[in-house]
PDB file of N, CA and C in Angstrom:
ATOM      1  N   MET A   1     -19.719   2.964   7.162  1.00  0.00           N
ATOM      2  CA  MET A   1     -19.784   3.138   5.732  1.00  0.00           C
ATOM      3  C   MET A   1     -19.008   2.007   5.055  1.00  0.00           C
ATOM      4  N   ASP A   2     -19.632   1.382   4.079  1.00  0.00           N
ATOM      5  CA  ASP A   2     -18.919   0.387   3.281  1.00  0.00           C
ATOM      6  C   ASP A   2     -18.016   1.096   2.302  1.00  0.00           C
ATOM      7  N   ARG A   3     -16.807   0.644   2.250  1.00  0.00           N
ATOM      8  CA  ARG A   3     -15.817   1.265   1.372  1.00  0.00           C
ATOM      9  C   ARG A   3     -15.231   0.175   0.487  1.00  0.00           C
ATOM     10  N   THR A   4     -15.020   0.497  -0.768  1.00  0.00           N
ATOM     11  CA  THR A   4     -14.330  -0.399  -1.678  1.00  0.00           C
ATOM     12  C   THR A   4     -12.849  -0.077  -1.625  1.00  0.00           C
ATOM     13  N   ILE A   5     -12.048  -1.090  -1.325  1.00  0.00           N
ATOM     14  CA  ILE A   5     -10.601  -0.934  -1.301  1.00  0.00           C
ATOM     15  C   ILE A   5     -10.022  -1.936  -2.280  1.00  0.00           C
ATOM     16  N   GLN A   6      -9.421  -1.407  -3.318  1.00  0.00           N
ATOM     17  CA  GLN A   6      -8.796  -2.288  -4.298  1.00  0.00           C
ATOM     18  C   GLN A   6      -7.298  -2.017  -4.341  1.00  0.00           C
ATOM     19  N   ILE A   7      -6.572  -2.964  -4.893  1.00  0.00           N
ATOM     20  CA  ILE A   7      -5.139  -2.775  -5.067  1.00  0.00           C
ATOM     21  C   ILE A   7      -4.816  -2.895  -6.548  1.00  0.00           C
ATOM     22  N   LYS A   8      -3.754  -2.190  -6.928  1.00  0.00           N
ATOM     23  CA  LYS A   8      -3.406  -2.112  -8.337  1.00  0.00           C
ATOM     24  C   LYS A   8      -1.915  -1.780  -8.449  1.00  0.00           C
ATOM     25  N   ARG A   9      -1.278  -2.328  -9.455  1.00  0.00           N
ATOM     26  CA  ARG A   9       0.131  -1.984  -9.691  1.00  0.00           C
ATOM     27  C   ARG A   9       0.237  -0.543 -10.139  1.00  0.00           C
ATOM     28  N   ALA A  10       1.261   0.121  -9.705  1.00  0.00           N
ATOM     29  CA  ALA A  10       1.503   1.510 -10.096  1.00  0.00           C
ATOM     30  C   ALA A  10       1.648   1.635 -11.603  1.00  0.00           C
ATOM     31  N   TYR A  11       2.050   0.573 -12.267  1.00  0.00           N
ATOM     32  CA  TYR A  11       2.296   0.594 -13.705  1.00  0.00           C
ATOM     33  C   TYR A  11       1.016   0.407 -14.525  1.00  0.00           C
ATOM     34  N   ASP A  12      -0.078   0.023 -13.879  1.00  0.00           N
ATOM     35  CA  ASP A  12      -1.362  -0.111 -14.574  1.00  0.00           C
ATOM     36  C   ASP A  12      -1.976   1.267 -14.773  1.00  0.00           C
ATOM     37  N   ALA A  13      -2.703   1.440 -15.868  1.00  0.00           N
ATOM     38  CA  ALA A  13      -3.294   2.739 -16.182  1.00  0.00           C
ATOM     39  C   ALA A  13      -4.298   3.159 -15.112  1.00  0.00           C
ATOM     40  N   ALA A  14      -4.307   4.448 -14.831  1.00  0.00           N
ATOM     41  CA  ALA A  14      -5.303   5.004 -13.904  1.00  0.00           C
ATOM     42  C   ALA A  14      -6.680   4.928 -14.552  1.00  0.00           C
ATOM     43  N   SER A  15      -7.686   4.799 -13.711  1.00  0.00           N
ATOM     44  CA  SER A  15      -9.063   4.703 -14.185  1.00  0.00           C
ATOM     45  C   SER A  15      -9.948   5.563 -13.288  1.00  0.00           C
ATOM     46  N   PRO A  16     -11.015   6.129 -13.837  1.00  0.00           N
ATOM     47  CA  PRO A  16     -11.955   6.874 -12.991  1.00  0.00           C
ATOM     48  C   PRO A  16     -12.555   5.996 -11.884  1.00  0.00           C
ATOM     49  N   ASP A  17     -12.586   4.686 -12.114  1.00  0.00           N
ATOM     50  CA  ASP A  17     -13.116   3.757 -11.112  1.00  0.00           C
ATOM     51  C   ASP A  17     -12.174   3.546  -9.935  1.00  0.00           C
ATOM     52  N   ASP A  18     -10.969   4.095 -10.007  1.00  0.00           N
ATOM     53  CA  ASP A  18     -10.001   3.915  -8.929  1.00  0.00           C
ATOM     54  C   ASP A  18     -10.362   4.701  -7.674  1.00  0.00           C
ATOM     55  N   GLY A  19     -11.100   5.773  -7.814  1.00  0.00           N
ATOM     56  CA  GLY A  19     -11.362   6.621  -6.658  1.00  0.00           C
ATOM     57  C   GLY A  19     -10.088   7.312  -6.209  1.00  0.00           C
ATOM     58  N   TYR A  20      -9.887   7.363  -4.906  1.00  0.00           N
ATOM     59  CA  TYR A  20      -8.723   8.018  -4.298  1.00  0.00           C
ATOM     60  C   TYR A  20      -7.532   7.071  -4.390  1.00  0.00           C
ATOM     61  N   ARG A  21      -6.487   7.486  -5.086  1.00  0.00           N
ATOM     62  CA  ARG A  21      -5.328   6.630  -5.364  1.00  0.00           C
ATOM     63  C   ARG A  21      -4.188   6.939  -4.392  1.00  0.00           C
ATOM     64  N   ILE A  22      -3.739   5.883  -3.675  1.00  0.00           N
ATOM     65  CA  ILE A  22      -2.704   6.039  -2.664  1.00  0.00           C
ATOM     66  C   ILE A  22      -1.529   5.129  -3.003  1.00  0.00           C
ATOM     67  N   TYR A  23      -0.388   5.738  -3.240  1.00  0.00           N
ATOM     68  CA  TYR A  23       0.831   4.965  -3.489  1.00  0.00           C
ATOM     69  C   TYR A  23       1.476   4.668  -2.142  1.00  0.00           C
ATOM     70  N   ILE A  24       1.722   3.384  -1.858  1.00  0.00           N
ATOM     71  CA  ILE A  24       2.154   3.018  -0.508  1.00  0.00           C
ATOM     72  C   ILE A  24       3.533   2.375  -0.447  1.00  0.00           C
ATOM     73  N   ASP A  25       4.347   2.600  -1.453  1.00  0.00           N
ATOM     74  CA  ASP A  25       5.725   2.115  -1.403  1.00  0.00           C
ATOM     75  C   ASP A  25       6.655   3.255  -1.000  1.00  0.00           C
ATOM     76  N   ARG A  26       7.811   2.892  -0.472  1.00  0.00           N
ATOM     77  CA  ARG A  26       8.787   3.885  -0.037  1.00  0.00           C
ATOM     78  C   ARG A  26       9.568   4.463  -1.224  1.00  0.00           C
ATOM     79  N   LEU A  27       9.804   3.642  -2.231  1.00  0.00           N
ATOM     80  CA  LEU A  27      10.606   4.051  -3.376  1.00  0.00           C
ATOM     81  C   LEU A  27       9.710   4.397  -4.569  1.00  0.00           C
ATOM     82  N   TRP A  28      10.122   5.397  -5.332  1.00  0.00           N
ATOM     83  CA  TRP A  28       9.381   5.791  -6.529  1.00  0.00           C
ATOM     84  C   TRP A  28       9.390   4.618  -7.519  1.00  0.00           C
ATOM     85  N   PRO A  29       8.270   4.370  -8.214  1.00  0.00           N
ATOM     86  CA  PRO A  29       8.234   3.248  -9.160  1.00  0.00           C
ATOM     87  C   PRO A  29       9.196   3.466 -10.338  1.00  0.00           C
ATOM     88  N   ARG A  30      10.091   2.552 -10.487  1.00  0.00           N
ATOM     89  CA  ARG A  30      11.139   2.641 -11.522  1.00  0.00           C
ATOM     90  C   ARG A  30      10.512   2.793 -12.912  1.00  0.00           C
ATOM     91  N   GLY A  31      11.005   3.774 -13.655  1.00  0.00           N
ATOM     92  CA  GLY A  31      10.575   3.959 -15.036  1.00  0.00           C
ATOM     93  C   GLY A  31       9.355   4.833 -15.221  1.00  0.00           C
ATOM     94  N   LEU A  32       8.686   5.236 -14.144  1.00  0.00           N
ATOM     95  CA  LEU A  32       7.513   6.099 -14.273  1.00  0.00           C
ATOM     96  C   LEU A  32       7.913   7.548 -13.998  1.00  0.00           C
ATOM     97  N   SER A  33       7.392   8.433 -14.792  1.00  0.00           N
ATOM     98  CA  SER A  33       7.676   9.856 -14.578  1.00  0.00           C
ATOM     99  C   SER A  33       6.605  10.460 -13.680  1.00  0.00           C
ATOM    100  N   HIS A  34       6.932  11.577 -13.104  1.00  0.00           N
ATOM    101  CA  HIS A  34       5.968  12.275 -12.243  1.00  0.00           C
ATOM    102  C   HIS A  34       4.774  12.782 -13.060  1.00  0.00           C
ATOM    103  N   GLU A  35       4.967  12.953 -14.335  1.00  0.00           N
ATOM    104  CA  GLU A  35       3.874  13.436 -15.190  1.00  0.00           C
ATOM    105  C   GLU A  35       2.902  12.320 -15.560  1.00  0.00           C
ATOM    106  N   THR A  36       3.381  11.078 -15.627  1.00  0.00           N
ATOM    107  CA  THR A  36       2.514   9.993 -16.085  1.00  0.00           C
ATOM    108  C   THR A  36       1.926   9.149 -14.953  1.00  0.00           C
ATOM    109  N   PHE A  37       2.515   9.193 -13.786  1.00  0.00           N
ATOM    110  CA  PHE A  37       2.014   8.386 -12.667  1.00  0.00           C
ATOM    111  C   PHE A  37       1.019   9.226 -11.870  1.00  0.00           C
ATOM    112  N   HIS A  38      -0.219   8.769 -11.857  1.00  0.00           N
ATOM    113  CA  HIS A  38      -1.285   9.524 -11.202  1.00  0.00           C
ATOM    114  C   HIS A  38      -1.624   8.909  -9.841  1.00  0.00           C
ATOM    115  N   TYR A  39      -1.480   9.732  -8.811  1.00  0.00           N
ATOM    116  CA  TYR A  39      -1.830   9.321  -7.456  1.00  0.00           C
ATOM    117  C   TYR A  39      -2.319  10.564  -6.711  1.00  0.00           C
ATOM    118  N   ASP A  40      -3.101  10.326  -5.665  1.00  0.00           N
ATOM    119  CA  ASP A  40      -3.610  11.428  -4.850  1.00  0.00           C
ATOM    120  C   ASP A  40      -2.798  11.612  -3.578  1.00  0.00           C
ATOM    121  N   LEU A  41      -2.203  10.540  -3.099  1.00  0.00           N
ATOM    122  CA  LEU A  41      -1.426  10.598  -1.863  1.00  0.00           C
ATOM    123  C   LEU A  41      -0.244   9.649  -1.973  1.00  0.00           C
ATOM    124  N   TRP A  42       0.911  10.123  -1.518  1.00  0.00           N
ATOM    125  CA  TRP A  42       2.081   9.269  -1.372  1.00  0.00           C
ATOM    126  C   TRP A  42       2.762   9.673  -0.087  1.00  0.00           C
ATOM    127  N   ASP A  43       2.684   8.812   0.900  1.00  0.00           N
ATOM    128  CA  ASP A  43       3.386   9.024   2.161  1.00  0.00           C
ATOM    129  C   ASP A  43       4.321   7.841   2.354  1.00  0.00           C
ATOM    130  N   LYS A  44       5.599   8.074   2.161  1.00  0.00           N
ATOM    131  CA  LYS A  44       6.602   7.015   2.232  1.00  0.00           C
ATOM    132  C   LYS A  44       6.589   6.298   3.580  1.00  0.00           C
ATOM    133  N   GLU A  45       6.138   6.996   4.606  1.00  0.00           N
ATOM    134  CA  GLU A  45       6.172   6.427   5.956  1.00  0.00           C
ATOM    135  C   GLU A  45       5.153   5.303   6.153  1.00  0.00           C
ATOM    136  N   ILE A  46       4.199   5.156   5.242  1.00  0.00           N
ATOM    137  CA  ILE A  46       3.227   4.064   5.323  1.00  0.00           C
ATOM    138  C   ILE A  46       3.873   2.749   4.885  1.00  0.00           C
ATOM    139  N   ALA A  47       4.883   2.841   4.068  1.00  0.00           N
ATOM    140  CA  ALA A  47       5.570   1.655   3.540  1.00  0.00           C
ATOM    141  C   ALA A  47       6.312   0.916   4.655  1.00  0.00           C
ATOM    142  N   PRO A  48       6.628  -0.353   4.414  1.00  0.00           N
ATOM    143  CA  PRO A  48       7.446  -1.084   5.399  1.00  0.00           C
ATOM    144  C   PRO A  48       8.789  -0.390   5.605  1.00  0.00           C
ATOM    145  N   SER A  49       9.330  -0.535   6.799  1.00  0.00           N
ATOM    146  CA  SER A  49      10.658   0.023   7.068  1.00  0.00           C
ATOM    147  C   SER A  49      11.665  -0.602   6.094  1.00  0.00           C
ATOM    148  N   THR A  50      12.737   0.100   5.863  1.00  0.00           N
ATOM    149  CA  THR A  50      13.755  -0.380   4.923  1.00  0.00           C
ATOM    150  C   THR A  50      14.288  -1.742   5.347  1.00  0.00           C
ATOM    151  N   GLY A  51      14.580  -1.904   6.614  1.00  0.00           N
ATOM    152  CA  GLY A  51      15.096  -3.182   7.097  1.00  0.00           C
ATOM    153  C   GLY A  51      14.121  -4.323   6.886  1.00  0.00           C
ATOM    154  N   LEU A  52      12.853  -4.082   7.152  1.00  0.00           N
ATOM    155  CA  LEU A  52      11.837  -5.123   6.964  1.00  0.00           C
ATOM    156  C   LEU A  52      11.682  -5.462   5.483  1.00  0.00           C
ATOM    157  N   ARG A  53      11.650  -4.450   4.645  1.00  0.00           N
ATOM    158  CA  ARG A  53      11.512  -4.671   3.197  1.00  0.00           C
ATOM    159  C   ARG A  53      12.688  -5.484   2.665  1.00  0.00           C
ATOM    160  N   GLU A  54      13.899  -5.132   3.075  1.00  0.00           N
ATOM    161  CA  GLU A  54      15.088  -5.852   2.609  1.00  0.00           C
ATOM    162  C   GLU A  54      15.087  -7.293   3.110  1.00  0.00           C
ATOM    163  N   TRP A  55      14.683  -7.513   4.358  1.00  0.00           N
ATOM    164  CA  TRP A  55      14.605  -8.859   4.909  1.00  0.00           C
ATOM    165  C   TRP A  55      13.605  -9.703   4.113  1.00  0.00           C
ATOM    166  N   PHE A  56      12.441  -9.140   3.834  1.00  0.00           N
ATOM    167  CA  PHE A  56      11.408  -9.864   3.084  1.00  0.00           C
ATOM    168  C   PHE A  56      11.909 -10.248   1.698  1.00  0.00           C
ATOM    169  N   HIS A  57      12.572  -9.348   1.006  1.00  0.00           N
ATOM    170  CA  HIS A  57      13.008  -9.601  -0.365  1.00  0.00           C
ATOM    171  C   HIS A  57      14.166 -10.594  -0.467  1.00  0.00           C
ATOM    172  N   GLN A  58      14.808 -10.922   0.643  1.00  0.00           N
ATOM    173  CA  GLN A  58      15.855 -11.945   0.615  1.00  0.00           C
ATOM    174  C   GLN A  58      15.271 -13.308   0.263  1.00  0.00           C
ATOM    175  N   ASN A  59      14.046 -13.579   0.728  1.00  0.00           N
ATOM    176  CA  ASN A  59      13.388 -14.851   0.450  1.00  0.00           C
ATOM    177  C   ASN A  59      11.875 -14.672   0.605  1.00  0.00           C
ATOM    178  N   PRO A  60      11.221 -14.057  -0.385  1.00  0.00           N
ATOM    179  CA  PRO A  60       9.799 -13.732  -0.250  1.00  0.00           C
ATOM    180  C   PRO A  60       8.896 -14.931   0.034  1.00  0.00           C
ATOM    181  N   ASP A  61       9.153 -16.057  -0.591  1.00  0.00           N
ATOM    182  CA  ASP A  61       8.285 -17.220  -0.370  1.00  0.00           C
ATOM    183  C   ASP A  61       8.335 -17.691   1.075  1.00  0.00           C
ATOM    184  N   GLU A  62       9.534 -17.754   1.617  1.00  0.00           N
ATOM    185  CA  GLU A  62       9.710 -18.240   2.977  1.00  0.00           C
ATOM    186  C   GLU A  62       9.351 -17.185   4.029  1.00  0.00           C
ATOM    187  N   ASN A  63       9.554 -15.914   3.708  1.00  0.00           N
ATOM    188  CA  ASN A  63       9.386 -14.845   4.692  1.00  0.00           C
ATOM    189  C   ASN A  63       8.013 -14.184   4.684  1.00  0.00           C
ATOM    190  N   TRP A  64       7.103 -14.601   3.810  1.00  0.00           N
ATOM    191  CA  TRP A  64       5.817 -13.906   3.670  1.00  0.00           C
ATOM    192  C   TRP A  64       5.050 -13.832   4.988  1.00  0.00           C
ATOM    193  N   GLU A  65       4.861 -14.935   5.675  1.00  0.00           N
ATOM    194  CA  GLU A  65       4.070 -14.928   6.914  1.00  0.00           C
ATOM    195  C   GLU A  65       4.699 -14.018   7.967  1.00  0.00           C
ATOM    196  N   GLY A  66       6.004 -14.075   8.087  1.00  0.00           N
ATOM    197  CA  GLY A  66       6.703 -13.194   9.017  1.00  0.00           C
ATOM    198  C   GLY A  66       6.590 -11.736   8.612  1.00  0.00           C
ATOM    199  N   PHE A  67       6.627 -11.491   7.310  1.00  0.00           N
ATOM    200  CA  PHE A  67       6.478 -10.130   6.810  1.00  0.00           C
ATOM    201  C   PHE A  67       5.094  -9.585   7.148  1.00  0.00           C
ATOM    202  N   VAL A  68       4.062 -10.384   6.954  1.00  0.00           N
ATOM    203  CA  VAL A  68       2.698  -9.953   7.287  1.00  0.00           C
ATOM    204  C   VAL A  68       2.620  -9.564   8.756  1.00  0.00           C
ATOM    205  N   GLU A  69       3.157 -10.411   9.600  1.00  0.00           N
ATOM    206  CA  GLU A  69       3.121 -10.171  11.048  1.00  0.00           C
ATOM    207  C   GLU A  69       3.900  -8.914  11.432  1.00  0.00           C
ATOM    208  N   ARG A  70       5.108  -8.793  10.929  1.00  0.00           N
ATOM    209  CA  ARG A  70       5.962  -7.657  11.300  1.00  0.00           C
ATOM    210  C   ARG A  70       5.461  -6.338  10.710  1.00  0.00           C
ATOM    211  N   TYR A  71       5.022  -6.362   9.456  1.00  0.00           N
ATOM    212  CA  TYR A  71       4.531  -5.128   8.841  1.00  0.00           C
ATOM    213  C   TYR A  71       3.225  -4.687   9.498  1.00  0.00           C
ATOM    214  N   SER A  72       2.365  -5.624   9.828  1.00  0.00           N
ATOM    215  CA  SER A  72       1.121  -5.289  10.533  1.00  0.00           C
ATOM    216  C   SER A  72       1.432  -4.615  11.864  1.00  0.00           C
ATOM    217  N   ALA A  73       2.428  -5.121  12.573  1.00  0.00           N
ATOM    218  CA  ALA A  73       2.830  -4.511  13.843  1.00  0.00           C
ATOM    219  C   ALA A  73       3.384  -3.106  13.618  1.00  0.00           C
ATOM    220  N   GLU A  74       4.190  -2.932  12.565  1.00  0.00           N
ATOM    221  CA  GLU A  74       4.701  -1.595  12.259  1.00  0.00           C
ATOM    222  C   GLU A  74       3.550  -0.618  12.003  1.00  0.00           C
ATOM    223  N   LEU A  75       2.560  -1.073  11.251  1.00  0.00           N
ATOM    224  CA  LEU A  75       1.443  -0.182  10.914  1.00  0.00           C
ATOM    225  C   LEU A  75       0.644   0.229  12.151  1.00  0.00           C
ATOM    226  N   GLN A  76       0.459  -0.676  13.079  1.00  0.00           N
ATOM    227  CA  GLN A  76      -0.353  -0.377  14.257  1.00  0.00           C
ATOM    228  C   GLN A  76       0.247   0.746  15.100  1.00  0.00           C
ATOM    229  N   SER A  77       1.573   0.880  15.065  1.00  0.00           N
ATOM    230  CA  SER A  77       2.215   1.936  15.860  1.00  0.00           C
ATOM    231  C   SER A  77       2.720   3.083  14.980  1.00  0.00           C
ATOM    232  N   ASN A  78       2.238   3.146  13.751  1.00  0.00           N
ATOM    233  CA  ASN A  78       2.732   4.125  12.786  1.00  0.00           C
ATOM    234  C   ASN A  78       1.784   5.331  12.692  1.00  0.00           C
ATOM    235  N   PRO A  79       2.235   6.521  13.092  1.00  0.00           N
ATOM    236  CA  PRO A  79       1.375   7.708  13.004  1.00  0.00           C
ATOM    237  C   PRO A  79       0.905   8.005  11.569  1.00  0.00           C
ATOM    238  N   ALA A  80       1.738   7.713  10.576  1.00  0.00           N
ATOM    239  CA  ALA A  80       1.334   7.954   9.180  1.00  0.00           C
ATOM    240  C   ALA A  80       0.163   7.061   8.795  1.00  0.00           C
ATOM    241  N   PHE A  81       0.133   5.848   9.322  1.00  0.00           N
ATOM    242  CA  PHE A  81      -0.982   4.943   9.024  1.00  0.00           C
ATOM    243  C   PHE A  81      -2.261   5.428   9.705  1.00  0.00           C
ATOM    244  N   GLN A  82      -2.128   5.960  10.904  1.00  0.00           N
ATOM    245  CA  GLN A  82      -3.305   6.517  11.587  1.00  0.00           C
ATOM    246  C   GLN A  82      -3.838   7.723  10.813  1.00  0.00           C
ATOM    247  N   THR A  83      -2.953   8.540  10.277  1.00  0.00           N
ATOM    248  CA  THR A  83      -3.363   9.683   9.454  1.00  0.00           C
ATOM    249  C   THR A  83      -4.049   9.195   8.180  1.00  0.00           C
ATOM    250  N   LEU A  84      -3.523   8.148   7.577  1.00  0.00           N
ATOM    251  CA  LEU A  84      -4.143   7.572   6.381  1.00  0.00           C
ATOM    252  C   LEU A  84      -5.578   7.147   6.680  1.00  0.00           C
ATOM    253  N   ARG A  85      -5.766   6.477   7.793  1.00  0.00           N
ATOM    254  CA  ARG A  85      -7.124   6.048   8.168  1.00  0.00           C
ATOM    255  C   ARG A  85      -8.073   7.235   8.249  1.00  0.00           C
ATOM    256  N   GLN A  86      -7.607   8.333   8.815  1.00  0.00           N
ATOM    257  CA  GLN A  86      -8.439   9.542   8.896  1.00  0.00           C
ATOM    258  C   GLN A  86      -8.700  10.115   7.509  1.00  0.00           C
ATOM    259  N   ASP A  87      -7.671  10.149   6.665  1.00  0.00           N
ATOM    260  CA  ASP A  87      -7.800  10.711   5.317  1.00  0.00           C
ATOM    261  C   ASP A  87      -8.819   9.972   4.465  1.00  0.00           C
ATOM    262  N   ILE A  88      -8.944   8.666   4.654  1.00  0.00           N
ATOM    263  CA  ILE A  88      -9.851   7.888   3.812  1.00  0.00           C
ATOM    264  C   ILE A  88     -11.231   7.691   4.436  1.00  0.00           C
ATOM    265  N   SER A  89     -11.449   8.221   5.623  1.00  0.00           N
ATOM    266  CA  SER A  89     -12.683   7.930   6.351  1.00  0.00           C
ATOM    267  C   SER A  89     -13.954   8.269   5.574  1.00  0.00           C
ATOM    268  N   GLY A  90     -13.955   9.308   4.779  1.00  0.00           N
ATOM    269  CA  GLY A  90     -15.164   9.665   4.034  1.00  0.00           C
ATOM    270  C   GLY A  90     -15.130   9.280   2.571  1.00  0.00           C
ATOM    271  N   ARG A  91     -14.165   8.494   2.189  1.00  0.00           N
ATOM    272  CA  ARG A  91     -14.016   8.153   0.775  1.00  0.00           C
ATOM    273  C   ARG A  91     -14.601   6.765   0.499  1.00  0.00           C
ATOM    274  N   PRO A  92     -15.549   6.679  -0.432  1.00  0.00           N
ATOM    275  CA  PRO A  92     -16.203   5.391  -0.696  1.00  0.00           C
ATOM    276  C   PRO A  92     -15.349   4.407  -1.485  1.00  0.00           C
ATOM    277  N   LYS A  93     -14.355   4.911  -2.220  1.00  0.00           N
ATOM    278  CA  LYS A  93     -13.530   4.015  -3.039  1.00  0.00           C
ATOM    279  C   LYS A  93     -12.094   4.501  -3.022  1.00  0.00           C
ATOM    280  N   ILE A  94     -11.197   3.565  -2.669  1.00  0.00           N
ATOM    281  CA  ILE A  94      -9.771   3.883  -2.723  1.00  0.00           C
ATOM    282  C   ILE A  94      -9.040   2.764  -3.456  1.00  0.00           C
ATOM    283  N   THR A  95      -7.915   3.132  -4.026  1.00  0.00           N
ATOM    284  CA  THR A  95      -7.042   2.164  -4.678  1.00  0.00           C
ATOM    285  C   THR A  95      -5.650   2.323  -4.086  1.00  0.00           C
ATOM    286  N   LEU A  96      -5.126   1.226  -3.560  1.00  0.00           N
ATOM    287  CA  LEU A  96      -3.774   1.196  -3.026  1.00  0.00           C
ATOM    288  C   LEU A  96      -2.843   0.775  -4.152  1.00  0.00           C
ATOM    289  N   LEU A  97      -1.852   1.580  -4.424  1.00  0.00           N
ATOM    290  CA  LEU A  97      -0.923   1.347  -5.527  1.00  0.00           C
ATOM    291  C   LEU A  97       0.405   0.822  -4.999  1.00  0.00           C
ATOM    292  N   TYR A  98       0.943  -0.168  -5.670  1.00  0.00           N
ATOM    293  CA  TYR A  98       2.223  -0.762  -5.286  1.00  0.00           C
ATOM    294  C   TYR A  98       3.031  -1.012  -6.557  1.00  0.00           C
ATOM    295  N   SER A  99       4.333  -1.207  -6.431  1.00  0.00           N
ATOM    296  CA  SER A  99       5.153  -1.413  -7.620  1.00  0.00           C
ATOM    297  C   SER A  99       5.726  -2.829  -7.750  1.00  0.00           C
ATOM    298  N   SER A 100       5.506  -3.675  -6.801  1.00  0.00           N
ATOM    299  CA  SER A 100       6.028  -5.043  -6.836  1.00  0.00           C
ATOM    300  C   SER A 100       5.482  -5.819  -8.042  1.00  0.00           C
ATOM    301  N   HIS A 101       6.262  -6.795  -8.507  1.00  0.00           N
ATOM    302  CA  HIS A 101       5.799  -7.681  -9.572  1.00  0.00           C
ATOM    303  C   HIS A 101       4.849  -8.749  -9.027  1.00  0.00           C
ATOM    304  N   ASP A 102       4.926  -9.013  -7.744  1.00  0.00           N
ATOM    305  CA  ASP A 102       4.125 -10.065  -7.117  1.00  0.00           C
ATOM    306  C   ASP A 102       2.776  -9.489  -6.693  1.00  0.00           C
ATOM    307  N   HIS A 103       1.726  -9.955  -7.340  1.00  0.00           N
ATOM    308  CA  HIS A 103       0.381  -9.424  -7.091  1.00  0.00           C
ATOM    309  C   HIS A 103      -0.230  -9.919  -5.775  1.00  0.00           C
ATOM    310  N   GLU A 104       0.276 -11.015  -5.245  1.00  0.00           N
ATOM    311  CA  GLU A 104      -0.323 -11.608  -4.050  1.00  0.00           C
ATOM    312  C   GLU A 104       0.475 -11.369  -2.775  1.00  0.00           C
ATOM    313  N   HIS A 105       1.747 -11.067  -2.919  1.00  0.00           N
ATOM    314  CA  HIS A 105       2.631 -10.924  -1.758  1.00  0.00           C
ATOM    315  C   HIS A 105       3.319  -9.562  -1.800  1.00  0.00           C
ATOM    316  N   ASN A 106       2.596  -8.541  -1.373  1.00  0.00           N
ATOM    317  CA  ASN A 106       3.140  -7.185  -1.346  1.00  0.00           C
ATOM    318  C   ASN A 106       2.470  -6.411  -0.220  1.00  0.00           C
ATOM    319  N   ASN A 107       3.017  -5.265   0.113  1.00  0.00           N
ATOM    320  CA  ASN A 107       2.509  -4.513   1.259  1.00  0.00           C
ATOM    321  C   ASN A 107       1.088  -3.986   1.039  1.00  0.00           C
ATOM    322  N   ALA A 108       0.666  -3.772  -0.205  1.00  0.00           N
ATOM    323  CA  ALA A 108      -0.703  -3.297  -0.459  1.00  0.00           C
ATOM    324  C   ALA A 108      -1.737  -4.319   0.003  1.00  0.00           C
ATOM    325  N   VAL A 109      -1.441  -5.583  -0.157  1.00  0.00           N
ATOM    326  CA  VAL A 109      -2.347  -6.640   0.290  1.00  0.00           C
ATOM    327  C   VAL A 109      -2.555  -6.544   1.802  1.00  0.00           C
ATOM    328  N   ILE A 110      -1.479  -6.312   2.520  1.00  0.00           N
ATOM    329  CA  ILE A 110      -1.545  -6.240   3.980  1.00  0.00           C
ATOM    330  C   ILE A 110      -2.309  -4.992   4.415  1.00  0.00           C
ATOM    331  N   VAL A 111      -2.011  -3.857   3.813  1.00  0.00           N
ATOM    332  CA  VAL A 111      -2.712  -2.614   4.164  1.00  0.00           C
ATOM    333  C   VAL A 111      -4.204  -2.758   3.882  1.00  0.00           C
ATOM    334  N   ARG A 112      -4.552  -3.310   2.718  1.00  0.00           N
ATOM    335  CA  ARG A 112      -5.970  -3.506   2.388  1.00  0.00           C
ATOM    336  C   ARG A 112      -6.657  -4.393   3.426  1.00  0.00           C
ATOM    337  N   ASN A 113      -6.028  -5.485   3.792  1.00  0.00           N
ATOM    338  CA  ASN A 113      -6.642  -6.401   4.755  1.00  0.00           C
ATOM    339  C   ASN A 113      -6.876  -5.724   6.103  1.00  0.00           C
ATOM    340  N   ILE A 114      -5.925  -4.940   6.555  1.00  0.00           N
ATOM    341  CA  ILE A 114      -6.087  -4.234   7.829  1.00  0.00           C
ATOM    342  C   ILE A 114      -7.196  -3.200   7.732  1.00  0.00           C
ATOM    343  N   LEU A 115      -7.210  -2.424   6.649  1.00  0.00           N
ATOM    344  CA  LEU A 115      -8.248  -1.409   6.493  1.00  0.00           C
ATOM    345  C   LEU A 115      -9.632  -2.029   6.390  1.00  0.00           C
ATOM    346  N   GLN A 116      -9.752  -3.150   5.714  1.00  0.00           N
ATOM    347  CA  GLN A 116     -11.052  -3.809   5.575  1.00  0.00           C
ATOM    348  C   GLN A 116     -11.554  -4.355   6.911  1.00  0.00           C
ATOM    349  N   LYS A 117     -10.640  -4.851   7.732  1.00  0.00           N
ATOM    350  CA  LYS A 117     -11.039  -5.363   9.052  1.00  0.00           C
ATOM    351  C   LYS A 117     -11.591  -4.246   9.932  1.00  0.00           C
ATOM    352  N   ASN A 118     -11.097  -3.050   9.738  1.00  0.00           N
ATOM    353  CA  ASN A 118     -11.449  -1.926  10.613  1.00  0.00           C
ATOM    354  C   ASN A 118     -12.446  -0.949   9.986  1.00  0.00           C
ATOM    355  N   GLN A 119     -13.209  -1.403   9.027  1.00  0.00           N
ATOM    356  CA  GLN A 119     -14.183  -0.498   8.383  1.00  0.00           C
ATOM    357  C   GLN A 119     -15.328  -0.215   9.325  1.00  0.00           C
TER     358      GLN A 119
END
């Protein structure tokens, strides 16, 4: 089944075109209330480990390639990620939500790329 997987900042307005909305960060998005932030699934365990996230944020430009490699490895052995794959198996459209300011270098990009490879 072809599936549309898009990524979007948690701070962007929800849309009916989003489909199944999955928040994939470990920390709640700063400044958003539980009443205004719309998501269908939030499993903190899908996010990068705290140590990996902190290492990446020390120097994002220099550490991006290493972050992709290490986070991808974490996901491959992560039971929560395997559960996510099962949860989305019948869904034609999903949106991965992230809170980073960087639209190109964040964990949602990596999760989307892995999910798209394995469709």
